[in-house]
Each structure stands twice: as structure tokens, then as C-alpha cells.
Amino acid sequence: MQLQERINAFVKLGDFLRQFSNEVTQKEDNVKHNELFFDGFKHQLKLAKEHNGWFTEENIRFALKSWSDALILDNLNTWLKPYSIENVSPKQVAIIMAGNIPLVGFHDFLSVLISGHHVLVKQSSNDKHLLPYLAKYLEYAEPQFKGKIKFTEEKIENFDAVIATGSNNTARYFEYYFKNKPSIIRNNRNSVAVLTGNETSAELKNLSEDIFRYYGLGCRNVSKLFVPRGYKFETFFEAIYHWHPIVEKAKYANNYDYNKAVYLMSEFDMLENGFFMIKEDESYASPIATLFYEYYDDLSGLKETLEAKKEQIQCIVSNGFIKNEIAFGATQKPQLWDYADDVDSIKFLSSI
């Protein structure tokens, strides 16, 4: 299969997903294979919501919109232009996926197939309904994909390389188990934001998207703030208040109530506004409905601190603080070339 044929298939998939990315699902006449797949995917979306309470309609729709925006011809061509993947010798690449947010493993799936390899997918039980159905659509969009995409719930076997994502504990297991295979192993990372006190209300409102989208379950969600000593949080709380309906979601509310009770019983100092808490803490991974913060005395010292902790950090959200920073509100809108853990998966897949 030629690279352009693979690209064209994913463009068609993007067109298909676009129908489901708005508040009102609308069937488009010009989308290929709609008669076979449109109603079935609506059913898969329903199953995904019923199976995982964190996968609300809004969050699934956000994920689908992100991928439909990414899978356009110009984006795919721009992403792939630096690489030589026209004549790759196909290998079997296993992917062990996380399940914290909808379609969280899709970039790995896309990367393997667009590179010309075959893919063996082991999904998380938390996110098992959407991707197999989209894989079937791909096989209709480009019949040459048939036989190149496999899913398994068993122990993965007969593969040449692996991309595996998990917790810190499972990552250590992956590193041992796959030590004789080319691999990308990902573990827990969190994202942080650096505030100076000069942020506009609009920037802080955008930051709330980085904090609350997907309930904060993604590695690109901001889980910690660094603020100048003496920082006043009133403006921050005002800017995020439009997210207060989130506490009406049962799973979020349960976590909020539980974590608040723990903090109160432990007599920890924290600030809260009825749906969200902030707590001074040196850790980077904060519980649901909680954001940690830490004071800094000067930005140069903070840069050194974050450089030393870079293996724990996925994104740094700021304005004019550091190279490769992410703009406020943009963490959950990565480009195709924004690689997880800053590891170039296409380069890796080109080398196996």
C-alpha cells in the first residue's frame, strides 16, 4: 500500500468522525460508507458512555472533534513530510493502550498504520468500544488495510516492536517484559501551569479547560500550578467558576466529596469553591476535583526545578516562560506532531 493511499483512508475517517463531533449529530450524504457505519457508530457511542461513567457525551464528542480536526489532508501531509516512510518493510507492532480518556491510544494506532506497519492492539477494558469499530471503517475506506489490524484481549504474542502505556508500576513491568524488543514505554506524567500574576481573565478561563476537560484524567491535563509567592487566587477562582456544573456529574461529585472529607479530617489547609479544591503540595499528580499548587521565588529557579523534574511532566502551560510551552487552553488540542513524552513515534517506527 502506498503512503498516499494510507493518508487518504484516514482523511475519509476524519470526514466520518466529523459527523459526530457537534452537539447535534448530522449524517452527511457525501461521507463514504455511511450506509454501513453511521447508525452502528451511534450505537457504539452509546455503549461507550454506558460502560464508562467518565466517558460523557460531551467528552466523547470533544475527542471526536479533536480527531476530525486533525485528520485532514494538509495536517497529515505536514506531519509526515520530514519522514521517509514510503517504502517501509512492514513489521507487526503491538500497542498496549491506556483507557483514561476516549480514544487515548488513537495516535499510536494512527502512527503504526500510517508508517506502513501492521498493528496488534490490546485495549484497556475502560475504552474498548470505539476503536475496533473505527478500524472496520478504515478497512472499508481502504481495503488494503484488511489483515493488517488485529485486536486481542489475550497475552500479546508474535510481534516485532511494542508501544505500551501504563502506570509507573506497569511501566516497570513493561520494561522488563519487552527488554528484548524495540519499544516505547510510557508511564505516569502530569502537566503543570506557570502563573506570574499578570494573566488576563481570558487566559485563566482558558486554563480552566486544561484543568477540567476529561475531568482532569489525561496526562495533558494541568494538575499543578506554580505561582509567585503571595499570589492571590481570587481572580483564578472567578475565571474557572463557569465549570461549576461539573459537580452535577455523579462520579466527579463523589470524588469531590471524598477528597474534601479526607482533607478536612486530616486538617490540611486548602481552598475550595463548592466544586473544586486547591491545596499547597509538592506532588505533581493531584486527585480528581483537586489542583495542587506550589510557590516560587524567581522564574530562573523554577526553570531549573522543572528541568530536573521533566521526566514527570507532559506539558508546561505558560506565556513567555519557556521554550515549547503550551498556550493556555491548548493542552487538549495537540497537533499530530506533538508526541507524548516528547518521543517521536514515527521516527521510532521508521527505525524498526
Protein backbone atom coordinates (compact mmCIF):
# COMPACT_ATOMS: atom_id res chain seq x y z
CA MET A 1 0.00 0.00 0.00
CA GLN A 2 1.31 3.44 -0.92
CA LEU A 3 1.64 6.21 1.66
CA GLN A 4 -0.90 8.39 -0.15
CA GLU A 5 -3.44 5.58 -0.02
CA ARG A 6 -2.96 5.32 3.74
CA ILE A 7 -3.29 9.08 4.14
CA ASN A 8 -6.47 9.15 2.03
CA ALA A 9 -8.05 6.45 4.19
CA PHE A 10 -7.50 8.44 7.37
CA VAL A 11 -8.87 11.57 5.70
CA LYS A 12 -12.06 9.62 5.00
CA LEU A 13 -12.12 8.52 8.63
CA GLY A 14 -11.82 12.15 9.69
CA ASP A 15 -14.81 13.01 7.49
CA PHE A 16 -16.77 10.20 9.12
CA LEU A 17 -15.91 11.34 12.66
CA ARG A 18 -16.81 14.95 11.90
CA GLN A 19 -20.48 13.97 11.75
CA PHE A 20 -20.40 13.06 15.45
CA SER A 21 -18.32 15.98 16.73
CA ASN A 22 -21.08 18.57 17.18
CA GLU A 23 -23.90 18.75 19.70
CA VAL A 24 -26.32 17.61 17.00
CA THR A 25 -25.18 14.51 15.13
CA GLN A 26 -25.81 15.06 11.44
CA LYS A 27 -25.50 12.46 8.72
CA GLU A 28 -23.74 13.83 5.63
CA ASP A 29 -24.55 12.43 2.21
CA ASN A 30 -21.02 12.79 0.87
CA VAL A 31 -19.30 10.67 3.57
CA LYS A 32 -18.17 7.29 2.29
CA HIS A 33 -19.75 4.10 3.69
CA ASN A 34 -22.26 5.95 5.86
CA GLU A 35 -24.96 3.46 4.96
CA LEU A 36 -22.92 0.73 6.63
CA PHE A 37 -21.37 2.54 9.58
CA PHE A 38 -23.29 5.64 10.66
CA ASP A 39 -26.02 4.04 12.77
CA GLY A 40 -23.65 1.42 14.11
CA PHE A 41 -21.23 4.04 15.39
CA LYS A 42 -24.05 5.87 17.14
CA HIS A 43 -24.69 2.60 18.97
CA GLN A 44 -21.01 2.23 19.87
CA LEU A 45 -21.03 5.74 21.33
CA LYS A 46 -23.98 4.76 23.49
CA LEU A 47 -22.18 1.63 24.67
CA ALA A 48 -19.02 3.59 25.47
CA LYS A 49 -20.99 6.03 27.66
CA GLU A 50 -22.81 3.23 29.46
CA HIS A 51 -19.63 1.23 30.05
CA ASN A 52 -17.50 4.06 31.46
CA GLY A 53 -19.12 6.80 33.51
CA TRP A 54 -16.21 9.16 32.81
CA PHE A 55 -16.93 8.97 29.07
CA THR A 56 -19.72 11.52 28.97
CA GLU A 57 -21.29 12.55 25.69
CA GLU A 58 -19.55 15.92 25.91
CA ASN A 59 -16.10 14.42 26.45
CA ILE A 60 -16.51 11.79 23.73
CA ARG A 61 -17.71 14.49 21.34
CA PHE A 62 -14.69 16.64 22.24
CA ALA A 63 -12.34 13.72 21.46
CA LEU A 64 -14.06 13.02 18.14
CA LYS A 65 -13.88 16.68 17.16
CA SER A 66 -10.17 16.77 18.02
CA TRP A 67 -9.51 13.80 15.76
CA SER A 68 -11.75 15.00 12.94
CA ASP A 69 -9.87 18.33 13.00
CA ALA A 70 -6.52 16.51 12.96
CA LEU A 71 -7.32 14.05 10.17
CA ILE A 72 -7.36 16.49 7.28
CA LEU A 73 -5.08 16.23 4.28
CA ASP A 74 -2.96 19.31 4.99
CA ASN A 75 -2.31 18.24 8.60
CA LEU A 76 -1.33 14.71 7.64
CA ASN A 77 0.98 15.91 4.86
CA THR A 78 2.63 18.48 7.14
CA TRP A 79 3.15 15.86 9.86
CA LEU A 80 4.65 13.24 7.59
CA LYS A 81 6.73 15.43 5.28
CA PRO A 82 10.00 15.15 7.30
CA TYR A 83 9.97 11.33 7.24
CA SER A 84 10.83 8.70 4.66
CA ILE A 85 8.09 6.10 5.12
CA GLU A 86 7.05 5.42 1.54
CA ASN A 87 8.75 2.03 1.36
CA VAL A 88 8.82 0.67 4.90
CA SER A 89 9.27 -3.07 5.39
CA PRO A 90 6.10 -3.95 7.35
CA LYS A 91 6.54 -5.19 10.92
CA GLN A 92 3.98 -6.29 13.49
CA VAL A 93 3.77 -3.55 16.12
CA ALA A 94 1.88 -4.22 19.35
CA ILE A 95 0.16 -1.35 21.16
CA ILE A 96 -0.92 -1.64 24.79
CA MET A 97 -3.34 1.21 25.35
CA ALA A 98 -4.45 3.19 28.36
CA GLY A 99 -8.15 3.95 28.87
CA ASN A 100 -8.26 7.16 30.85
CA ILE A 101 -9.85 9.32 28.12
CA PRO A 102 -11.78 8.40 24.94
CA LEU A 103 -9.56 7.12 22.12
CA VAL A 104 -6.44 7.95 24.10
CA GLY A 105 -4.43 5.38 22.12
CA PHE A 106 -5.55 6.55 18.70
CA HIS A 107 -2.35 8.47 17.91
CA ASP A 108 -0.28 5.29 18.35
CA PHE A 109 -2.77 3.34 16.23
CA LEU A 110 -2.60 6.01 13.51
CA SER A 111 1.20 6.22 13.69
CA VAL A 112 1.72 2.48 13.23
CA LEU A 113 -0.62 2.18 10.27
CA ILE A 114 0.41 5.42 8.55
CA SER A 115 4.04 4.23 8.80
CA GLY A 116 3.19 1.13 6.78
CA HIS A 117 3.29 -1.41 9.61
CA HIS A 118 0.71 -3.88 10.88
CA VAL A 119 -0.87 -3.27 14.27
CA LEU A 120 -1.81 -5.60 17.13
CA VAL A 121 -3.91 -3.73 19.70
CA LYS A 122 -4.53 -4.63 23.32
CA GLN A 123 -7.08 -2.15 24.61
CA SER A 124 -7.91 -1.07 28.12
CA SER A 125 -11.19 -2.51 29.35
CA ASN A 126 -12.23 1.11 30.05
CA ASP A 127 -12.15 2.12 26.39
CA LYS A 128 -12.98 -0.85 24.19
CA HIS A 129 -15.97 0.11 22.04
CA LEU A 130 -14.88 2.88 19.70
CA LEU A 131 -11.56 1.93 18.12
CA PRO A 132 -12.47 -1.57 16.80
CA TYR A 133 -15.46 -0.06 15.02
CA LEU A 134 -13.34 2.71 13.51
CA ALA A 135 -10.82 0.09 12.41
CA LYS A 136 -13.59 -1.66 10.48
CA TYR A 137 -14.44 1.65 8.82
CA LEU A 138 -10.78 2.04 7.80
CA GLU A 139 -10.84 -1.39 6.19
CA TYR A 140 -13.78 -0.32 4.05
CA ALA A 141 -12.22 3.06 3.27
CA GLU A 142 -9.02 1.28 2.16
CA PRO A 143 -9.45 -2.49 1.64
CA GLN A 144 -5.65 -2.96 1.70
CA PHE A 145 -5.82 -2.43 5.48
CA LYS A 146 -7.62 -5.76 5.82
CA GLY A 147 -5.43 -8.27 7.61
CA LYS A 148 -3.16 -5.52 8.93
CA ILE A 149 -5.25 -4.62 12.03
CA LYS A 150 -5.80 -7.05 14.87
CA PHE A 151 -7.25 -6.71 18.38
CA THR A 152 -6.65 -9.10 21.25
CA GLU A 153 -7.69 -9.49 24.86
CA GLU A 154 -5.10 -12.19 25.44
CA LYS A 155 -1.38 -12.02 26.08
CA ILE A 156 0.24 -10.30 23.11
CA GLU A 157 2.47 -12.58 21.06
CA ASN A 158 4.23 -12.65 17.69
CA PHE A 159 5.19 -9.01 17.39
CA ASP A 160 8.35 -7.15 16.37
CA ALA A 161 8.05 -3.93 18.42
CA VAL A 162 5.78 -2.50 21.07
CA ILE A 163 4.33 0.80 22.25
CA ALA A 164 2.96 0.42 25.77
CA THR A 165 1.32 2.94 28.08
CA GLY A 166 0.54 2.37 31.76
CA SER A 167 1.14 3.41 35.32
CA ASN A 168 4.61 3.74 36.83
CA ASN A 169 4.30 0.21 38.20
CA THR A 170 3.13 -1.36 34.93
CA ALA A 171 5.79 0.58 33.01
CA ARG A 172 8.48 -1.17 35.06
CA TYR A 173 6.87 -4.47 34.19
CA PHE A 174 6.72 -3.48 30.51
CA GLU A 175 10.40 -2.52 30.53
CA TYR A 176 11.35 -5.92 31.87
CA TYR A 177 8.95 -7.94 29.75
CA PHE A 178 9.80 -6.15 26.49
CA LYS A 179 13.52 -5.70 27.14
CA ASN A 180 14.43 -7.67 24.01
CA LYS A 181 12.09 -5.78 21.69
CA PRO A 182 12.27 -2.25 20.25
CA SER A 183 9.85 -0.32 22.43
CA ILE A 184 8.34 2.94 23.56
CA ILE A 185 7.26 2.63 27.20
CA ARG A 186 5.19 5.40 28.75
CA ASN A 187 4.35 5.87 32.42
CA ASN A 188 2.51 8.45 34.51
CA ARG A 189 3.09 12.07 33.63
CA ASN A 190 1.27 15.22 34.61
CA SER A 191 1.04 18.73 33.24
CA VAL A 192 1.70 21.98 35.06
CA ALA A 193 0.95 25.65 34.57
CA VAL A 194 3.19 28.55 35.49
CA LEU A 195 1.41 31.76 36.53
CA THR A 196 3.06 35.13 37.06
CA GLY A 197 0.06 37.05 38.40
CA ASN A 198 -0.18 39.06 35.17
CA GLU A 199 -2.55 36.68 33.40
CA THR A 200 -5.75 38.08 31.94
CA SER A 201 -9.14 36.72 32.94
CA ALA A 202 -9.37 35.23 29.44
CA GLU A 203 -6.10 33.32 29.90
CA LEU A 204 -7.22 31.96 33.26
CA LYS A 205 -10.56 30.98 31.77
CA ASN A 206 -8.69 29.12 29.04
CA LEU A 207 -6.56 27.45 31.71
CA SER A 208 -9.74 26.02 33.24
CA GLU A 209 -10.16 23.97 30.05
CA ASP A 210 -6.71 22.46 30.63
CA ILE A 211 -7.74 21.58 34.19
CA PHE A 212 -11.30 20.27 33.82
CA ARG A 213 -11.56 18.73 30.36
CA TYR A 214 -11.94 14.94 30.67
CA TYR A 215 -12.35 15.57 34.43
CA GLY A 216 -8.59 16.04 34.65
CA LEU A 217 -7.90 12.38 33.88
CA GLY A 218 -5.46 12.92 31.00
CA CYS A 219 -1.70 13.32 31.21
CA ARG A 220 -2.09 16.62 29.34
CA ASN A 221 -4.47 17.96 31.99
CA VAL A 222 -2.96 20.56 34.30
CA SER A 223 -2.79 19.06 37.78
CA LYS A 224 -0.46 21.60 39.38
CA LEU A 225 0.09 25.35 39.41
CA PHE A 226 3.32 27.20 40.12
CA VAL A 227 2.52 30.68 41.40
CA PRO A 228 4.65 33.56 42.71
CA ARG A 229 4.90 33.78 46.48
CA GLY A 230 1.99 35.80 47.81
CA TYR A 231 -0.23 35.01 44.82
CA LYS A 232 -3.93 35.74 45.42
CA PHE A 233 -6.32 33.15 43.99
CA GLU A 234 -9.50 35.27 43.83
CA THR A 235 -9.17 36.03 40.10
CA PHE A 236 -8.31 32.40 39.37
CA PHE A 237 -11.44 31.17 41.17
CA GLU A 238 -13.59 33.71 39.34
CA ALA A 239 -12.20 32.62 35.97
CA ILE A 240 -12.88 28.92 36.50
CA TYR A 241 -16.34 29.28 38.03
CA HIS A 242 -18.16 28.65 34.74
CA TRP A 243 -17.16 24.98 35.18
CA HIS A 244 -19.30 24.64 38.32
CA PRO A 245 -21.92 22.38 36.60
CA ILE A 246 -19.26 19.66 36.59
CA VAL A 247 -20.18 18.85 40.20
CA GLU A 248 -23.58 17.67 38.97
CA LYS A 249 -21.85 14.65 37.39
CA ALA A 250 -22.10 11.79 39.89
CA LYS A 251 -18.60 10.33 39.51
CA TYR A 252 -16.97 13.74 39.80
CA ALA A 253 -19.16 14.72 42.76
CA ASN A 254 -18.30 11.51 44.59
CA ASN A 255 -14.59 12.20 44.19
CA TYR A 256 -15.01 15.81 45.23
CA ASP A 257 -16.91 14.84 48.39
CA TYR A 258 -14.47 12.07 49.27
CA ASN A 259 -11.30 14.11 48.76
CA LYS A 260 -12.76 17.09 50.59
CA ALA A 261 -13.64 14.87 53.55
CA VAL A 262 -10.11 13.42 53.62
CA TYR A 263 -8.54 16.88 53.61
CA LEU A 264 -10.85 18.17 56.32
CA MET A 265 -10.32 15.16 58.58
CA SER A 266 -6.58 15.43 58.06
CA GLU A 267 -6.79 19.16 58.82
CA PHE A 268 -4.97 20.06 55.62
CA ASP A 269 -5.08 23.67 54.53
CA MET A 270 -6.94 24.07 51.26
CA LEU A 271 -9.18 26.49 49.40
CA GLU A 272 -12.41 25.39 47.73
CA ASN A 273 -15.41 26.89 45.97
CA GLY A 274 -18.12 24.25 46.18
CA PHE A 275 -16.92 22.12 43.27
CA PHE A 276 -13.12 22.32 43.27
CA MET A 277 -10.22 22.45 45.72
CA ILE A 278 -6.68 23.77 45.58
CA LYS A 279 -4.03 22.61 48.00
CA GLU A 280 -0.39 23.52 48.51
CA ASP A 281 1.55 20.35 47.78
CA GLU A 282 4.90 19.43 46.22
CA SER A 283 3.42 16.46 44.34
CA TYR A 284 2.55 16.70 40.64
CA ALA A 285 -0.36 14.24 40.45
CA SER A 286 -3.43 15.67 42.16
CA PRO A 287 -6.67 13.77 42.86
CA ILE A 288 -9.84 14.43 40.89
CA ALA A 289 -11.51 17.74 41.82
CA THR A 290 -8.22 18.96 43.28
CA LEU A 291 -5.39 21.08 41.96
CA PHE A 292 -2.04 21.28 43.73
CA TYR A 293 -0.03 24.47 43.80
CA GLU A 294 3.45 25.48 44.84
CA TYR A 295 5.00 28.91 45.34
CA TYR A 296 8.18 30.02 43.58
CA ASP A 297 10.51 32.91 44.35
CA ASP A 298 12.04 33.51 40.92
CA LEU A 299 11.42 32.21 37.42
CA SER A 300 15.01 31.17 36.74
CA GLY A 301 14.99 28.91 39.79
CA LEU A 302 11.64 27.49 38.70
CA LYS A 303 13.05 26.67 35.27
CA GLU A 304 15.80 24.65 36.94
CA THR A 305 13.23 22.85 39.11
CA LEU A 306 11.05 21.91 36.16
CA GLU A 307 14.06 20.79 34.11
CA ALA A 308 15.06 18.48 36.95
CA LYS A 309 11.51 17.08 37.06
CA LYS A 310 10.99 16.85 33.29
CA GLU A 311 10.51 13.05 33.38
CA GLN A 312 7.33 13.66 35.40
CA ILE A 313 5.93 16.42 33.17
CA GLN A 314 3.94 16.12 29.96
CA CYS A 315 3.13 19.78 29.25
CA ILE A 316 4.07 23.16 30.68
CA VAL A 317 1.36 25.77 30.22
CA SER A 318 2.60 29.36 30.38
CA ASN A 319 3.00 32.59 28.44
CA GLY A 320 6.58 33.55 27.58
CA PHE A 321 8.16 31.39 30.27
CA ILE A 322 9.90 28.55 28.49
CA LYS A 323 10.59 27.04 25.07
CA ASN A 324 7.93 24.59 23.82
CA GLU A 325 5.38 25.87 26.31
CA ILE A 326 1.69 25.26 25.64
CA ALA A 327 -0.70 28.18 25.39
CA PHE A 328 -3.45 28.50 27.97
CA GLY A 329 -6.39 26.32 26.93
CA ALA A 330 -4.48 24.27 24.35
CA THR A 331 -3.29 21.18 26.20
CA GLN A 332 -6.15 19.00 24.95
CA LYS A 333 -5.72 20.16 21.35
CA PRO A 334 -2.35 18.65 20.40
CA GLN A 335 -1.17 18.58 16.81
CA LEU A 336 -0.22 15.29 15.18
CA TRP A 337 3.44 16.18 15.68
CA ASP A 338 3.04 16.83 19.42
CA TYR A 339 4.34 13.48 20.64
CA ALA A 340 3.58 12.04 24.05
CA ASP A 341 6.61 12.22 26.37
CA ASP A 342 8.34 14.09 23.51
CA VAL A 343 9.25 10.73 21.91
CA ASP A 344 8.95 10.79 18.11
CA SER A 345 6.90 7.69 17.39
CA ILE A 346 7.17 8.00 13.59
CA LYS A 347 10.96 8.15 13.83
CA PHE A 348 10.86 5.09 16.09
CA LEU A 349 8.56 3.22 13.70
CA SER A 350 10.83 4.10 10.77
CA SER A 351 13.80 2.51 12.51
CA ILE A 352 12.47 -0.93 13.46
